[in-house]
Amino acid sequence: MTTYEHTTNSLAAEFGVDRKTLRKKARVLGIGIDFGGRAGFRYSDEDRRKLIDSLRPTPPVAPRRRRRAA
């Protein structure tokens, strides 16, 4: 049985992002469960790992160098 022990507020504070940003990412990934009412959305440890991977910045791509006109 999966336990949903992480809240949106606790994960947003841990990752240093806004609650709305976290909810958008979770919606795109299709993770989390809504317990409704004051309980709100909760996330499992597996959901937390998926969020960490999705919030990890991608390395910048070096721009291609142009050749000079001959």
Protein backbone atom coordinates (compact mmCIF):
# COMPACT_ATOMS: atom_id res chain seq x y z
CA MET A 1 0.00 0.00 0.00
CA THR A 2 1.29 3.41 -0.95
CA THR A 3 1.40 6.09 1.72
CA TYR A 4 0.82 9.68 0.71
CA GLU A 5 2.70 11.59 3.36
CA HIS A 6 4.00 14.67 1.51
CA THR A 7 1.84 17.77 1.08
CA THR A 8 2.05 20.41 -1.64
CA ASN A 9 3.22 23.03 0.85
CA SER A 10 5.95 20.83 2.36
CA LEU A 11 7.37 19.82 -1.03
CA ALA A 12 7.22 23.39 -2.38
CA ALA A 13 9.18 24.60 0.65
CA GLU A 14 11.69 21.74 0.30
CA PHE A 15 12.29 22.41 -3.41
CA GLY A 16 12.17 26.20 -3.10
CA VAL A 17 9.38 26.69 -5.64
CA ASP A 18 5.91 28.16 -5.48
CA ARG A 19 2.93 25.90 -4.65
CA LYS A 20 1.32 26.69 -8.02
CA THR A 21 4.48 25.70 -9.90
CA LEU A 22 4.58 22.41 -8.06
CA ARG A 23 0.90 21.70 -8.78
CA LYS A 24 1.40 22.46 -12.49
CA LYS A 25 4.33 20.02 -12.67
CA ALA A 26 2.34 17.37 -10.81
CA ARG A 27 -0.63 17.84 -13.14
CA VAL A 28 1.59 17.45 -16.22
CA LEU A 29 3.22 14.32 -14.74
CA GLY A 30 -0.12 12.91 -13.61
CA ILE A 31 0.99 12.33 -10.02
CA GLY A 32 -0.44 13.03 -6.59
CA ILE A 33 -3.84 12.29 -5.15
CA ASP A 34 -6.53 14.74 -4.05
CA PHE A 35 -8.01 13.83 -0.69
CA GLY A 36 -10.38 16.80 -0.99
CA GLY A 37 -11.31 19.44 1.54
CA ARG A 38 -8.61 20.67 3.89
CA ALA A 39 -6.43 17.61 3.26
CA GLY A 40 -5.69 18.76 -0.30
CA PHE A 41 -3.17 17.04 -2.55
CA ARG A 42 -0.74 14.50 -1.15
CA TYR A 43 2.28 12.84 -2.75
CA SER A 44 4.04 9.53 -2.20
CA ASP A 45 7.82 9.04 -2.06
CA GLU A 46 7.77 7.88 -5.69
CA ASP A 47 5.87 11.05 -6.67
CA ARG A 48 8.49 13.10 -4.80
CA ARG A 49 11.30 11.45 -6.80
CA LYS A 50 9.50 12.19 -10.08
CA LEU A 51 9.09 15.84 -9.06
CA ILE A 52 12.78 16.10 -8.17
CA ASP A 53 13.74 14.76 -11.60
CA SER A 54 11.34 17.09 -13.41
CA LEU A 55 12.49 20.20 -11.51
CA ARG A 56 16.18 19.48 -12.14
CA PRO A 57 17.50 22.11 -14.55
CA THR A 58 18.58 20.96 -17.98
CA PRO A 59 22.11 21.86 -19.08
CA PRO A 60 22.27 24.81 -21.47
CA VAL A 61 22.90 24.06 -25.11
CA ALA A 62 25.88 25.89 -26.56
CA PRO A 63 24.93 28.07 -29.52
CA ARG A 64 26.27 26.96 -32.87
CA ARG A 65 29.06 29.05 -34.28
CA ARG A 66 28.50 30.78 -37.56
CA ARG A 67 30.98 30.61 -40.36
CA ARG A 68 32.29 33.85 -41.70
CA ALA A 69 31.34 34.78 -45.22
CA ALA A 70 34.16 34.11 -47.63
